[in-house]
C-alpha atoms as a PDB file:
ATOM      1  CA  UNK A   1       0.000   0.000   0.000  1.00  0.00           C
ATOM      2  CA  UNK A   2       2.807   2.395   0.850  1.00  0.00           C
ATOM      3  CA  UNK A   3       4.346   2.163  -2.607  1.00  0.00           C
ATOM      4  CA  UNK A   4       0.969   2.877  -4.174  1.00  0.00           C
ATOM      5  CA  UNK A   5       0.627   5.960  -2.020  1.00  0.00           C
ATOM      6  CA  UNK A   6       4.109   7.078  -2.937  1.00  0.00           C
ATOM      7  CA  UNK A   7       3.261   6.692  -6.592  1.00  0.00           C
ATOM      8  CA  UNK A   8       0.385   9.097  -6.220  1.00  0.00           C
ATOM      9  CA  UNK A   9       2.786  11.702  -4.890  1.00  0.00           C
ATOM     10  CA  UNK A  10       5.317  11.059  -7.657  1.00  0.00           C
ATOM     11  CA  UNK A  11       7.589   8.760  -5.693  1.00  0.00           C
ATOM     12  CA  UNK A  12       9.255   5.901  -7.513  1.00  0.00           C
ATOM     13  CA  UNK A  13      10.704   4.089  -4.529  1.00  0.00           C
ATOM     14  CA  UNK A  14      11.311   0.582  -5.784  1.00  0.00           C
ATOM     15  CA  UNK A  15      14.806   0.202  -7.106  1.00  0.00           C
ATOM     16  CA  UNK A  16      15.861   3.678  -6.044  1.00  0.00           C
ATOM     17  CA  UNK A  17      16.689   3.026  -2.408  1.00  0.00           C
ATOM     18  CA  UNK A  18      20.192   3.278  -1.075  1.00  0.00           C
ATOM     19  CA  UNK A  19      22.173   0.215  -0.002  1.00  0.00           C
ATOM     20  CA  UNK A  20      24.866   2.082   1.879  1.00  0.00           C
ATOM     21  CA  UNK A  21      26.417   0.728   5.050  1.00  0.00           C
ATOM     22  CA  UNK A  22      24.333   0.573   8.214  1.00  0.00           C
ATOM     23  CA  UNK A  23      27.155   2.181  10.210  1.00  0.00           C
ATOM     24  CA  UNK A  24      28.439   1.277  13.661  1.00  0.00           C
ATOM     25  CA  UNK A  25      27.222  -2.003  15.146  1.00  0.00           C
ATOM     26  CA  UNK A  26      25.926  -0.870  18.532  1.00  0.00           C
ATOM     27  CA  UNK A  27      25.593  -4.482  19.709  1.00  0.00           C
ATOM     28  CA  UNK A  28      29.343  -4.453  20.324  1.00  0.00           C
ATOM     29  CA  UNK A  29      29.130  -1.630  22.836  1.00  0.00           C
ATOM     30  CA  UNK A  30      30.837  -2.662  26.064  1.00  0.00           C
ATOM     31  CA  UNK A  31      27.811  -1.627  28.122  1.00  0.00           C
ATOM     32  CA  UNK A  32      25.346  -3.629  26.057  1.00  0.00           C
ATOM     33  CA  UNK A  33      24.689  -6.087  28.878  1.00  0.00           C
ATOM     34  CA  UNK A  34      22.940  -3.301  30.786  1.00  0.00           C
ATOM     35  CA  UNK A  35      20.722  -2.230  27.896  1.00  0.00           C
ATOM     36  CA  UNK A  36      17.074  -3.175  27.499  1.00  0.00           C
ATOM     37  CA  UNK A  37      14.846  -3.814  24.516  1.00  0.00           C
ATOM     38  CA  UNK A  38      11.484  -2.413  23.461  1.00  0.00           C
ATOM     39  CA  UNK A  39       9.450  -3.303  20.376  1.00  0.00           C
ATOM     40  CA  UNK A  40       6.701  -1.235  18.794  1.00  0.00           C
ATOM     41  CA  UNK A  41       4.526  -1.390  15.688  1.00  0.00           C
ATOM     42  CA  UNK A  42       3.312   1.996  14.523  1.00  0.00           C
ATOM     43  CA  UNK A  43       2.541   1.629  10.869  1.00  0.00           C
ATOM     44  CA  UNK A  44       5.323   2.730   8.506  1.00  0.00           C
ATOM     45  CA  UNK A  45       8.533   1.564  10.171  1.00  0.00           C
ATOM     46  CA  UNK A  46      10.570   4.250   8.420  1.00  0.00           C
ATOM     47  CA  UNK A  47       8.529   6.838  10.322  1.00  0.00           C
ATOM     48  CA  UNK A  48       8.856   5.085  13.653  1.00  0.00           C
ATOM     49  CA  UNK A  49      12.621   4.818  13.264  1.00  0.00           C
ATOM     50  CA  UNK A  50      12.899   8.524  12.488  1.00  0.00           C
ATOM     51  CA  UNK A  51      10.892   9.294  15.650  1.00  0.00           C
ATOM     52  CA  UNK A  52      12.945   7.133  18.030  1.00  0.00           C
ATOM     53  CA  UNK A  53      16.469   7.669  16.702  1.00  0.00           C
ATOM     54  CA  UNK A  54      16.865  11.223  18.107  1.00  0.00           C
ATOM     55  CA  UNK A  55      15.767  10.217  21.622  1.00  0.00           C
ATOM     56  CA  UNK A  56      18.587  10.494  24.142  1.00  0.00           C
ATOM     57  CA  UNK A  57      19.261   7.091  25.654  1.00  0.00           C
ATOM     58  CA  UNK A  58      18.230   5.136  22.563  1.00  0.00           C
ATOM     59  CA  UNK A  59      21.292   3.096  21.607  1.00  0.00           C
ATOM     60  CA  UNK A  60      20.072   1.584  18.347  1.00  0.00           C
ATOM     61  CA  UNK A  61      16.929   0.966  16.337  1.00  0.00           C
ATOM     62  CA  UNK A  62      16.160  -1.714  13.763  1.00  0.00           C
ATOM     63  CA  UNK A  63      13.163  -1.903  11.438  1.00  0.00           C
ATOM     64  CA  UNK A  64      11.664  -5.286  10.742  1.00  0.00           C
ATOM     65  CA  UNK A  65       8.661  -7.535  11.123  1.00  0.00           C
ATOM     66  CA  UNK A  66       6.952  -9.157  14.097  1.00  0.00           C
ATOM     67  CA  UNK A  67       3.674 -10.574  15.326  1.00  0.00           C
ATOM     68  CA  UNK A  68       3.064 -13.040  12.504  1.00  0.00           C
ATOM     69  CA  UNK A  69       3.640 -16.684  11.648  1.00  0.00           C
ATOM     70  CA  UNK A  70       5.907 -16.654   8.587  1.00  0.00           C
ATOM     71  CA  UNK A  71       9.603 -17.239   9.477  1.00  0.00           C
ATOM     72  CA  UNK A  72      12.096 -14.841   7.904  1.00  0.00           C
ATOM     73  CA  UNK A  73       9.538 -12.922   5.845  1.00  0.00           C
ATOM     74  CA  UNK A  74      10.473 -10.542   3.084  1.00  0.00           C
ATOM     75  CA  UNK A  75       9.054  -7.062   2.704  1.00  0.00           C
ATOM     76  CA  UNK A  76       7.033  -8.178  -0.299  1.00  0.00           C
ATOM     77  CA  UNK A  77       5.509 -11.060   1.691  1.00  0.00           C
ATOM     78  CA  UNK A  78       4.610  -8.827   4.639  1.00  0.00           C
ATOM     79  CA  UNK A  79       3.169  -6.202   2.308  1.00  0.00           C
ATOM     80  CA  UNK A  80       0.887  -8.864   0.866  1.00  0.00           C
ATOM     81  CA  UNK A  81      -0.832  -9.090   4.244  1.00  0.00           C
ATOM     82  CA  UNK A  82      -0.816 -12.884   4.517  1.00  0.00           C
ATOM     83  CA  UNK A  83       2.074 -13.360   6.974  1.00  0.00           C
ATOM     84  CA  UNK A  84       0.337 -11.869  10.007  1.00  0.00           C
ATOM     85  CA  UNK A  85       3.402  -9.713  10.654  1.00  0.00           C
ATOM     86  CA  UNK A  86       3.326  -5.997  11.340  1.00  0.00           C
ATOM     87  CA  UNK A  87       6.012  -3.562  10.356  1.00  0.00           C
ATOM     88  CA  UNK A  88       7.834  -3.121  13.658  1.00  0.00           C
ATOM     89  CA  UNK A  89      10.716  -1.294  15.284  1.00  0.00           C
ATOM     90  CA  UNK A  90      13.113  -2.877  17.749  1.00  0.00           C
ATOM     91  CA  UNK A  91      14.617  -0.306  20.137  1.00  0.00           C
ATOM     92  CA  UNK A  92      17.692  -0.957  22.264  1.00  0.00           C
ATOM     93  CA  UNK A  93      17.941   1.637  25.024  1.00  0.00           C
ATOM     94  CA  UNK A  94      19.941   2.560  28.096  1.00  0.00           C
ATOM     95  CA  UNK A  95      17.479   2.549  31.035  1.00  0.00           C
ATOM     96  CA  UNK A  96      19.713   4.946  32.964  1.00  0.00           C
ATOM     97  CA  UNK A  97      19.258   7.591  30.283  1.00  0.00           C
ATOM     98  CA  UNK A  98      15.675   6.981  29.159  1.00  0.00           C
ATOM     99  CA  UNK A  99      12.985   4.925  30.840  1.00  0.00           C
ATOM    100  CA  UNK A 100      10.300   2.781  29.243  1.00  0.00           C
ATOM    101  CA  UNK A 101       7.536   5.283  30.027  1.00  0.00           C
ATOM    102  CA  UNK A 102       9.373   7.894  28.004  1.00  0.00           C
ATOM    103  CA  UNK A 103       9.606   5.488  25.079  1.00  0.00           C
ATOM    104  CA  UNK A 104       5.868   4.894  25.418  1.00  0.00           C
ATOM    105  CA  UNK A 105       5.369   8.651  25.250  1.00  0.00           C
ATOM    106  CA  UNK A 106       7.261   8.840  21.957  1.00  0.00           C
ATOM    107  CA  UNK A 107       5.280   5.888  20.608  1.00  0.00           C
ATOM    108  CA  UNK A 108       1.825   7.237  21.458  1.00  0.00           C
ATOM    109  CA  UNK A 109       2.620  10.717  20.159  1.00  0.00           C
ATOM    110  CA  UNK A 110       3.649   9.370  16.746  1.00  0.00           C
ATOM    111  CA  UNK A 111       0.655   7.180  15.910  1.00  0.00           C
ATOM    112  CA  UNK A 112      -3.086   7.395  15.499  1.00  0.00           C
ATOM    113  CA  UNK A 113      -4.172   4.684  17.972  1.00  0.00           C
ATOM    114  CA  UNK A 114      -7.820   4.800  16.876  1.00  0.00           C
ATOM    115  CA  UNK A 115      -7.411   3.239  13.417  1.00  0.00           C
ATOM    116  CA  UNK A 116      -7.478  -0.557  13.147  1.00  0.00           C
ATOM    117  CA  UNK A 117      -5.176  -2.257  10.644  1.00  0.00           C
ATOM    118  CA  UNK A 118      -4.135   1.061   9.149  1.00  0.00           C
ATOM    119  CA  UNK A 119      -2.015   4.128   9.770  1.00  0.00           C
ATOM    120  CA  UNK A 120      -2.844   7.165   7.689  1.00  0.00           C
ATOM    121  CA  UNK A 121      -2.622   6.268   3.969  1.00  0.00           C
ATOM    122  CA  UNK A 122      -1.208   2.791   4.666  1.00  0.00           C
ATOM    123  CA  UNK A 123      -3.926   0.137   4.972  1.00  0.00           C
ATOM    124  CA  UNK A 124      -3.601  -3.500   5.998  1.00  0.00           C
ATOM    125  CA  UNK A 125      -2.914  -5.570   9.113  1.00  0.00           C
ATOM    126  CA  UNK A 126       0.821  -5.077   8.500  1.00  0.00           C
ATOM    127  CA  UNK A 127       0.266  -1.427   9.457  1.00  0.00           C
ATOM    128  CA  UNK A 128      -1.557  -2.093  12.726  1.00  0.00           C
ATOM    129  CA  UNK A 129      -0.305  -0.469  15.930  1.00  0.00           C
ATOM    130  CA  UNK A 130       0.982  -2.632  18.761  1.00  0.00           C
ATOM    131  CA  UNK A 131       3.212  -2.625  21.807  1.00  0.00           C
ATOM    132  CA  UNK A 132       5.161  -5.876  22.071  1.00  0.00           C
ATOM    133  CA  UNK A 133       6.138  -6.100  25.747  1.00  0.00           C
ATOM    134  CA  UNK A 134       9.253  -8.009  26.811  1.00  0.00           C
ATOM    135  CA  UNK A 135       8.510  -8.429  30.514  1.00  0.00           C
ATOM    136  CA  UNK A 136       5.663  -7.957  33.021  1.00  0.00           C
ATOM    137  CA  UNK A 137       6.830  -4.454  33.958  1.00  0.00           C
ATOM    138  CA  UNK A 138       6.632  -3.274  30.343  1.00  0.00           C
ATOM    139  CA  UNK A 139       3.164  -4.794  30.109  1.00  0.00           C
ATOM    140  CA  UNK A 140       2.024  -3.018  33.268  1.00  0.00           C
ATOM    141  CA  UNK A 141       3.372   0.353  32.175  1.00  0.00           C
ATOM    142  CA  UNK A 142       1.906   0.031  28.679  1.00  0.00           C
ATOM    143  CA  UNK A 143      -1.530  -0.905  30.003  1.00  0.00           C
ATOM    144  CA  UNK A 144      -1.485   1.929  32.545  1.00  0.00           C
ATOM    145  CA  UNK A 145      -0.494   4.438  29.877  1.00  0.00           C
ATOM    146  CA  UNK A 146      -3.210   3.201  27.524  1.00  0.00           C
ATOM    147  CA  UNK A 147      -5.795   3.370  30.304  1.00  0.00           C
ATOM    148  CA  UNK A 148      -4.889   6.970  31.115  1.00  0.00           C
ATOM    149  CA  UNK A 149      -5.157   7.964  27.466  1.00  0.00           C
ATOM    150  CA  UNK A 150      -8.544   6.273  27.192  1.00  0.00           C
ATOM    151  CA  UNK A 151      -9.829   8.254  30.163  1.00  0.00           C
ATOM    152  CA  UNK A 152      -8.220  11.538  29.146  1.00  0.00           C
ATOM    153  CA  UNK A 153     -10.684  12.438  26.410  1.00  0.00           C
ATOM    154  CA  UNK A 154      -7.764  13.016  24.037  1.00  0.00           C
ATOM    155  CA  UNK A 155      -9.353  10.783  21.396  1.00  0.00           C
ATOM    156  CA  UNK A 156     -12.953  10.832  20.185  1.00  0.00           C
ATOM    157  CA  UNK A 157     -12.807   7.189  19.093  1.00  0.00           C
ATOM    158  CA  UNK A 158     -11.750   4.034  20.988  1.00  0.00           C
ATOM    159  CA  UNK A 159      -8.054   3.148  21.164  1.00  0.00           C
ATOM    160  CA  UNK A 160      -7.412  -0.087  19.263  1.00  0.00           C
ATOM    161  CA  UNK A 161      -3.640  -0.404  19.750  1.00  0.00           C
ATOM    162  CA  UNK A 162      -2.726  -3.925  20.854  1.00  0.00           C
ATOM    163  CA  UNK A 163      -0.567  -4.710  23.890  1.00  0.00           C
ATOM    164  CA  UNK A 164       0.793  -8.207  23.321  1.00  0.00           C
ATOM    165  CA  UNK A 165       3.798 -10.348  24.312  1.00  0.00           C
ATOM    166  CA  UNK A 166       6.936  -9.878  22.234  1.00  0.00           C
ATOM    167  CA  UNK A 167       7.594 -12.699  19.797  1.00  0.00           C
ATOM    168  CA  UNK A 168      10.298 -13.323  17.221  1.00  0.00           C
ATOM    169  CA  UNK A 169      11.486 -10.129  15.556  1.00  0.00           C
ATOM    170  CA  UNK A 170      12.838 -10.428  12.008  1.00  0.00           C
ATOM    171  CA  UNK A 171      15.196  -7.728  10.797  1.00  0.00           C
ATOM    172  CA  UNK A 172      14.062  -5.931   7.660  1.00  0.00           C
ATOM    173  CA  UNK A 173      16.069  -5.590   4.482  1.00  0.00           C
ATOM    174  CA  UNK A 174      19.085  -3.295   4.571  1.00  0.00           C
ATOM    175  CA  UNK A 175      17.549  -0.751   2.217  1.00  0.00           C
ATOM    176  CA  UNK A 176      14.776  -0.124   4.765  1.00  0.00           C
ATOM    177  CA  UNK A 177      17.185   0.608   7.626  1.00  0.00           C
ATOM    178  CA  UNK A 178      17.537   4.371   8.253  1.00  0.00           C
ATOM    179  CA  UNK A 179      15.546   5.001   5.102  1.00  0.00           C
ATOM    180  CA  UNK A 180      14.601   8.449   6.352  1.00  0.00           C
ATOM    181  CA  UNK A 181      18.294   9.385   6.307  1.00  0.00           C
ATOM    182  CA  UNK A 182      19.447   7.585   3.162  1.00  0.00           C
ATOM    183  CA  UNK A 183      16.540   8.828   1.069  1.00  0.00           C
ATOM    184  CA  UNK A 184      15.518  11.907   3.000  1.00  0.00           C
ATOM    185  CA  UNK A 185      13.768  13.812   0.226  1.00  0.00           C
ATOM    186  CA  UNK A 186      11.653  10.819  -0.815  1.00  0.00           C
ATOM    187  CA  UNK A 187      10.918  10.020   2.815  1.00  0.00           C
ATOM    188  CA  UNK A 188       9.753  13.564   3.537  1.00  0.00           C
ATOM    189  CA  UNK A 189       7.495  13.503   0.505  1.00  0.00           C
ATOM    190  CA  UNK A 190       6.028  10.200   1.664  1.00  0.00           C
ATOM    191  CA  UNK A 191       5.471  11.381   5.255  1.00  0.00           C
ATOM    192  CA  UNK A 192       3.779  14.528   3.995  1.00  0.00           C
ATOM    193  CA  UNK A 193       1.756  12.854   1.254  1.00  0.00           C
ATOM    194  CA  UNK A 194       0.499  10.072   3.515  1.00  0.00           C
ATOM    195  CA  UNK A 195      -0.962  12.558   5.982  1.00  0.00           C
ATOM    196  CA  UNK A 196       1.220  11.301   8.805  1.00  0.00           C
ATOM    197  CA  UNK A 197       3.411  14.392   9.133  1.00  0.00           C
ATOM    198  CA  UNK A 198       0.444  16.729   9.434  1.00  0.00           C
ATOM    199  CA  UNK A 199      -1.192  14.508  12.074  1.00  0.00           C
ATOM    200  CA  UNK A 200       1.971  14.205  14.163  1.00  0.00           C
ATOM    201  CA  UNK A 201       2.618  17.949  14.112  1.00  0.00           C
ATOM    202  CA  UNK A 202      -0.938  18.563  15.254  1.00  0.00           C
ATOM    203  CA  UNK A 203      -0.934  16.030  18.088  1.00  0.00           C
ATOM    204  CA  UNK A 204       2.681  15.708  19.129  1.00  0.00           C
ATOM    205  CA  UNK A 205       4.027  17.377  22.261  1.00  0.00           C
ATOM    206  CA  UNK A 206       7.631  18.269  22.996  1.00  0.00           C
ATOM    207  CA  UNK A 207       9.222  14.898  22.290  1.00  0.00           C
ATOM    208  CA  UNK A 208      12.702  16.386  22.240  1.00  0.00           C
ATOM    209  CA  UNK A 209      12.422  17.107  25.985  1.00  0.00           C
ATOM    210  CA  UNK A 210      10.574  13.848  26.640  1.00  0.00           C
ATOM    211  CA  UNK A 211       8.042  15.561  28.872  1.00  0.00           C
ATOM    212  CA  UNK A 212       5.343  13.025  29.657  1.00  0.00           C
ATOM    213  CA  UNK A 213       1.679  13.962  29.538  1.00  0.00           C
ATOM    214  CA  UNK A 214       0.433  15.305  32.860  1.00  0.00           C
ATOM    215  CA  UNK A 215      -1.194  12.069  33.966  1.00  0.00           C
ATOM    216  CA  UNK A 216       1.793   9.817  33.267  1.00  0.00           C
ATOM    217  CA  UNK A 217       2.776   8.162  35.488  1.00  0.00           C
ATOM    218  CA  UNK A 218       1.578  10.413  38.331  1.00  0.00           C
ATOM    219  CA  UNK A 219       0.210  13.951  38.071  1.00  0.00           C
ATOM    220  CA  UNK A 220       2.186  16.652  39.882  1.00  0.00           C
ATOM    221  CA  UNK A 221       0.150  17.838  42.906  1.00  0.00           C
ATOM    222  CA  UNK A 222      -1.175  21.388  43.006  1.00  0.00           C
ATOM    223  CA  UNK A 223       0.477  23.998  45.203  1.00  0.00           C
ATOM    224  CA  UNK A 224      -2.266  23.570  47.805  1.00  0.00           C
ATOM    225  CA  UNK A 225      -1.722  19.819  47.830  1.00  0.00           C
ATOM    226  CA  UNK A 226       2.047  20.272  48.106  1.00  0.00           C
ATOM    227  CA  UNK A 227       1.615  22.530  51.136  1.00  0.00           C
ATOM    228  CA  UNK A 228      -0.123  19.636  52.866  1.00  0.00           C
ATOM    229  CA  UNK A 229       2.294  16.981  51.616  1.00  0.00           C
ATOM    230  CA  UNK A 230       5.624  18.734  52.205  1.00  0.00           C
ATOM    231  CA  UNK A 231       7.212  20.203  55.283  1.00  0.00           C
ATOM    232  CA  UNK A 232       7.348  24.027  55.364  1.00  0.00           C
ATOM    233  CA  UNK A 233      11.067  23.890  54.515  1.00  0.00           C
ATOM    234  CA  UNK A 234      10.553  21.464  51.609  1.00  0.00           C
ATOM    235  CA  UNK A 235       7.790  23.651  50.195  1.00  0.00           C
ATOM    236  CA  UNK A 236       9.848  26.826  50.596  1.00  0.00           C
ATOM    237  CA  UNK A 237      12.827  25.302  48.791  1.00  0.00           C
ATOM    238  CA  UNK A 238      11.066  23.438  45.972  1.00  0.00           C
ATOM    239  CA  UNK A 239       8.230  25.877  45.234  1.00  0.00           C
ATOM    240  CA  UNK A 240       9.589  29.228  46.367  1.00  0.00           C
ATOM    241  CA  UNK A 241      13.280  28.780  45.464  1.00  0.00           C
ATOM    242  CA  UNK A 242      14.340  28.994  49.089  1.00  0.00           C
ATOM    243  CA  UNK A 243      17.662  27.799  50.506  1.00  0.00           C
ATOM    244  CA  UNK A 244      18.164  25.623  53.560  1.00  0.00           C
ATOM    245  CA  UNK A 245      20.914  26.220  56.117  1.00  0.00           C
ATOM    246  CA  UNK A 246      24.344  24.704  55.379  1.00  0.00           C
ATOM    247  CA  UNK A 247      25.615  21.919  57.647  1.00  0.00           C
ATOM    248  CA  UNK A 248      22.089  21.671  59.072  1.00  0.00           C
ATOM    249  CA  UNK A 249      20.246  19.602  56.522  1.00  0.00           C
ATOM    250  CA  UNK A 250      19.497  15.934  56.000  1.00  0.00           C
ATOM    251  CA  UNK A 251      21.989  14.805  53.369  1.00  0.00           C
ATOM    252  CA  UNK A 252      25.025  17.093  53.416  1.00  0.00           C
ATOM    253  CA  UNK A 253      26.995  14.463  55.339  1.00  0.00           C
ATOM    254  CA  UNK A 254      25.259  11.345  54.030  1.00  0.00           C
ATOM    255  CA  UNK A 255      27.799   8.772  52.841  1.00  0.00           C
ATOM    256  CA  UNK A 256      25.471   5.839  52.151  1.00  0.00           C
ATOM    257  CA  UNK A 257      25.150   4.257  48.706  1.00  0.00           C
ATOM    258  CA  UNK A 258      21.960   5.029  46.840  1.00  0.00           C
ATOM    259  CA  UNK A 259      20.236   7.581  44.652  1.00  0.00           C
ATOM    260  CA  UNK A 260      18.568  10.931  45.322  1.00  0.00           C
ATOM    261  CA  UNK A 261      15.153  11.543  43.742  1.00  0.00           C
ATOM    262  CA  UNK A 262      12.901  14.576  43.424  1.00  0.00           C
ATOM    263  CA  UNK A 263      10.891  14.900  46.650  1.00  0.00           C
ATOM    264  CA  UNK A 264       7.780  15.804  44.614  1.00  0.00           C
ATOM    265  CA  UNK A 265       7.830  13.589  41.513  1.00  0.00           C
ATOM    266  CA  UNK A 266      10.193  10.778  42.508  1.00  0.00           C
ATOM    267  CA  UNK A 267      12.245  11.387  39.364  1.00  0.00           C
ATOM    268  CA  UNK A 268      15.782   9.999  39.784  1.00  0.00           C
ATOM    269  CA  UNK A 269      18.257  12.896  39.857  1.00  0.00           C
ATOM    270  CA  UNK A 270      21.620  12.133  41.497  1.00  0.00           C
ATOM    271  CA  UNK A 271      23.687   9.141  42.608  1.00  0.00           C
ATOM    272  CA  UNK A 272      25.936   8.695  45.628  1.00  0.00           C
ATOM    273  CA  UNK A 273      28.608   7.583  43.154  1.00  0.00           C
ATOM    274  CA  UNK A 274      28.830  11.215  41.990  1.00  0.00           C
ATOM    275  CA  UNK A 275      28.534  12.816  45.443  1.00  0.00           C
ATOM    276  CA  UNK A 276      31.531  14.525  47.040  1.00  0.00           C
ATOM    277  CA  UNK A 277      32.343  16.631  50.085  1.00  0.00           C
ATOM    278  CA  UNK A 278      32.507  20.205  48.817  1.00  0.00           C
ATOM    279  CA  UNK A 279      32.957  21.717  52.262  1.00  0.00           C
ATOM    280  CA  UNK A 280      29.932  23.954  51.660  1.00  0.00           C
ATOM    281  CA  UNK A 281      27.478  22.148  53.937  1.00  0.00           C
ATOM    282  CA  UNK A 282      25.093  21.159  51.146  1.00  0.00           C
ATOM    283  CA  UNK A 283      24.940  17.896  49.166  1.00  0.00           C
ATOM    284  CA  UNK A 284      27.191  18.316  46.130  1.00  0.00           C
ATOM    285  CA  UNK A 285      27.419  16.184  43.000  1.00  0.00           C
ATOM    286  CA  UNK A 286      29.678  16.211  39.939  1.00  0.00           C
ATOM    287  CA  UNK A 287      26.780  15.401  37.616  1.00  0.00           C
ATOM    288  CA  UNK A 288      23.169  14.205  37.525  1.00  0.00           C
ATOM    289  CA  UNK A 289      22.338  10.605  36.666  1.00  0.00           C
ATOM    290  CA  UNK A 290      20.785  11.868  33.435  1.00  0.00           C
ATOM    291  CA  UNK A 291      21.549  15.457  32.332  1.00  0.00           C
ATOM    292  CA  UNK A 292      18.094  15.623  30.786  1.00  0.00           C
ATOM    293  CA  UNK A 293      16.451  15.226  34.202  1.00  0.00           C
ATOM    294  CA  UNK A 294      17.520  18.733  35.232  1.00  0.00           C
ATOM    295  CA  UNK A 295      16.974  22.138  33.666  1.00  0.00           C
ATOM    296  CA  UNK A 296      19.405  25.059  33.877  1.00  0.00           C
ATOM    297  CA  UNK A 297      18.039  28.593  34.269  1.00  0.00           C
ATOM    298  CA  UNK A 298      19.697  31.950  34.774  1.00  0.00           C
ATOM    299  CA  UNK A 299      19.157  33.250  38.306  1.00  0.00           C
ATOM    300  CA  UNK A 300      19.712  36.985  38.812  1.00  0.00           C
ATOM    301  CA  UNK A 301      18.495  37.228  42.405  1.00  0.00           C
ATOM    302  CA  UNK A 302      20.488  38.581  45.368  1.00  0.00           C
ATOM    303  CA  UNK A 303      22.592  40.799  43.111  1.00  0.00           C
ATOM    304  CA  UNK A 304      24.317  37.811  41.503  1.00  0.00           C
ATOM    305  CA  UNK A 305      24.128  35.939  38.227  1.00  0.00           C
ATOM    306  CA  UNK A 306      24.009  32.222  38.884  1.00  0.00           C
ATOM    307  CA  UNK A 307      22.784  29.070  37.168  1.00  0.00           C
ATOM    308  CA  UNK A 308      19.727  27.687  38.897  1.00  0.00           C
ATOM    309  CA  UNK A 309      18.996  23.946  38.683  1.00  0.00           C
ATOM    310  CA  UNK A 310      15.424  22.679  38.506  1.00  0.00           C
ATOM    311  CA  UNK A 311      14.019  19.200  38.005  1.00  0.00           C
ATOM    312  CA  UNK A 312      12.514  18.574  34.578  1.00  0.00           C
ATOM    313  CA  UNK A 313       9.291  16.840  35.526  1.00  0.00           C
ATOM    314  CA  UNK A 314       8.152  18.637  38.701  1.00  0.00           C
ATOM    315  CA  UNK A 315       9.978  21.923  38.038  1.00  0.00           C
ATOM    316  CA  UNK A 316      11.254  21.777  41.624  1.00  0.00           C
ATOM    317  CA  UNK A 317      13.958  24.241  42.628  1.00  0.00           C
ATOM    318  CA  UNK A 318      16.963  22.061  43.476  1.00  0.00           C
ATOM    319  CA  UNK A 319      19.901  24.415  43.914  1.00  0.00           C
ATOM    320  CA  UNK A 320      22.642  25.909  41.745  1.00  0.00           C
ATOM    321  CA  UNK A 321      25.391  24.831  39.381  1.00  0.00           C
ATOM    322  CA  UNK A 322      28.964  26.064  39.859  1.00  0.00           C
ATOM    323  CA  UNK A 323      32.184  25.344  37.955  1.00  0.00           C
ATOM    324  CA  UNK A 324      34.450  24.581  40.919  1.00  0.00           C
ATOM    325  CA  UNK A 325      33.863  20.836  41.333  1.00  0.00           C
ATOM    326  CA  UNK A 326      36.569  18.159  41.175  1.00  0.00           C
ATOM    327  CA  UNK A 327      35.753  17.491  37.511  1.00  0.00           C
ATOM    328  CA  UNK A 328      34.572  21.004  36.712  1.00  0.00           C
ATOM    329  CA  UNK A 329      30.892  21.008  37.681  1.00  0.00           C
ATOM    330  CA  UNK A 330      29.448  21.225  41.193  1.00  0.00           C
ATOM    331  CA  UNK A 331      25.725  20.687  41.524  1.00  0.00           C
ATOM    332  CA  UNK A 332      25.011  22.293  44.896  1.00  0.00           C
ATOM    333  CA  UNK A 333      21.632  20.871  45.923  1.00  0.00           C
ATOM    334  CA  UNK A 334      19.254  21.405  48.820  1.00  0.00           C
ATOM    335  CA  UNK A 335      18.487  18.296  50.854  1.00  0.00           C
ATOM    336  CA  UNK A 336      14.908  19.541  51.185  1.00  0.00           C
ATOM    337  CA  UNK A 337      14.410  18.995  47.434  1.00  0.00           C
ATOM    338  CA  UNK A 338      15.480  15.375  47.640  1.00  0.00           C
ATOM    339  CA  UNK A 339      14.519  11.958  48.935  1.00  0.00           C
ATOM    340  CA  UNK A 340      17.286   9.417  49.400  1.00  0.00           C
ATOM    341  CA  UNK A 341      16.711   5.810  48.282  1.00  0.00           C
ATOM    342  CA  UNK A 342      19.356   3.455  49.775  1.00  0.00           C
ATOM    343  CA  UNK A 343      20.911   0.958  47.404  1.00  0.00           C
ATOM    344  CA  UNK A 344      19.342  -1.972  49.229  1.00  0.00           C
ATOM    345  CA  UNK A 345      15.847  -0.483  48.710  1.00  0.00           C
ATOM    346  CA  UNK A 346      16.120   0.403  45.026  1.00  0.00           C
ATOM    347  CA  UNK A 347      14.406  -2.722  43.724  1.00  0.00           C
ATOM    348  CA  UNK A 348      11.637  -2.570  46.330  1.00  0.00           C
ATOM    349  CA  UNK A 349      10.848   1.078  45.616  1.00  0.00           C
ATOM    350  CA  UNK A 350      10.784   0.728  41.840  1.00  0.00           C
ATOM    351  CA  UNK A 351      14.286   1.974  41.025  1.00  0.00           C
ATOM    352  CA  UNK A 352      15.893  -1.395  40.356  1.00  0.00           C
ATOM    353  CA  UNK A 353      17.279  -0.290  37.012  1.00  0.00           C
ATOM    354  CA  UNK A 354      19.742   1.986  38.851  1.00  0.00           C
ATOM    355  CA  UNK A 355      21.446  -0.887  40.658  1.00  0.00           C
ATOM    356  CA  UNK A 356      23.859  -1.005  37.735  1.00  0.00           C
ATOM    357  CA  UNK A 357      25.390   2.210  39.062  1.00  0.00           C
ATOM    358  CA  UNK A 358      26.827   0.299  42.000  1.00  0.00           C
ATOM    359  CA  UNK A 359      28.248  -2.755  40.228  1.00  0.00           C
END
């Protein structure tokens, strides 16, 4: 179907695709044993690959086929609709840099989940949308996300995207890999002509920052709710950009192994492996676990120009960034903005993926 659509917008794709090298084999990366896998079907796999490749924390993507019965299918066989396979994308990602919920966000914002066995101009079961989960946690998160979207009123029609166990994934032909890069002009014409580009622009949020929709996974409480939930000091620091007293706060002298999360959202921010004694009386770190979890803003208060640090998800005031740390950066953070999760409690409290930091 896709080639027929392309023909109507003056694309002659067959025989004109590039067969250049696929580039670096990310499977040989020394940290590969800590990576995880996600698999999605979102219609045209060229489009899905172009959506996931720019995401920080995505190590590699591969287009191919999954969900059917025919072993080692070809593109022509899948396009015929008799194999049961869907065009799919296999994503290898670093869970310390991007979590599965963020990948789900990218997925949902790049598809129309209300069309069955079709995506935009492409029609057939091979273009159905599906989340192929690889473990019970992925299944739980996918089902929760879908449930929230169903209740949100975002869509006027029912969501028909499948959530099914991952099965054998078959890599697609080389000329399909990174098609959006190798044949960019033809790809752009296809994305525009199929109606997909217009839909995504209309419905997509800020994927580059990976900000999840408000209800995923937990909504940020209102200011009134936070006043009840937080101590007066925690509220003053996180919501009013206050500063706690040095040498008189919870974590300045904490030497235990673990991670520090946002007191409001629970978003993982800093690790004890990057903590050092700065002599200032506040918890200090050389870097965040994921640079994308914090936002830098210019702070001109108190007659100074400083770099304020806020958390991405909850927009909590955390502290300030200075350039006098042992490796250059010193993230000077208020204990009142943080909750400490000891290493031995990471798995129990849902942060098991960060255990790799202590191996």
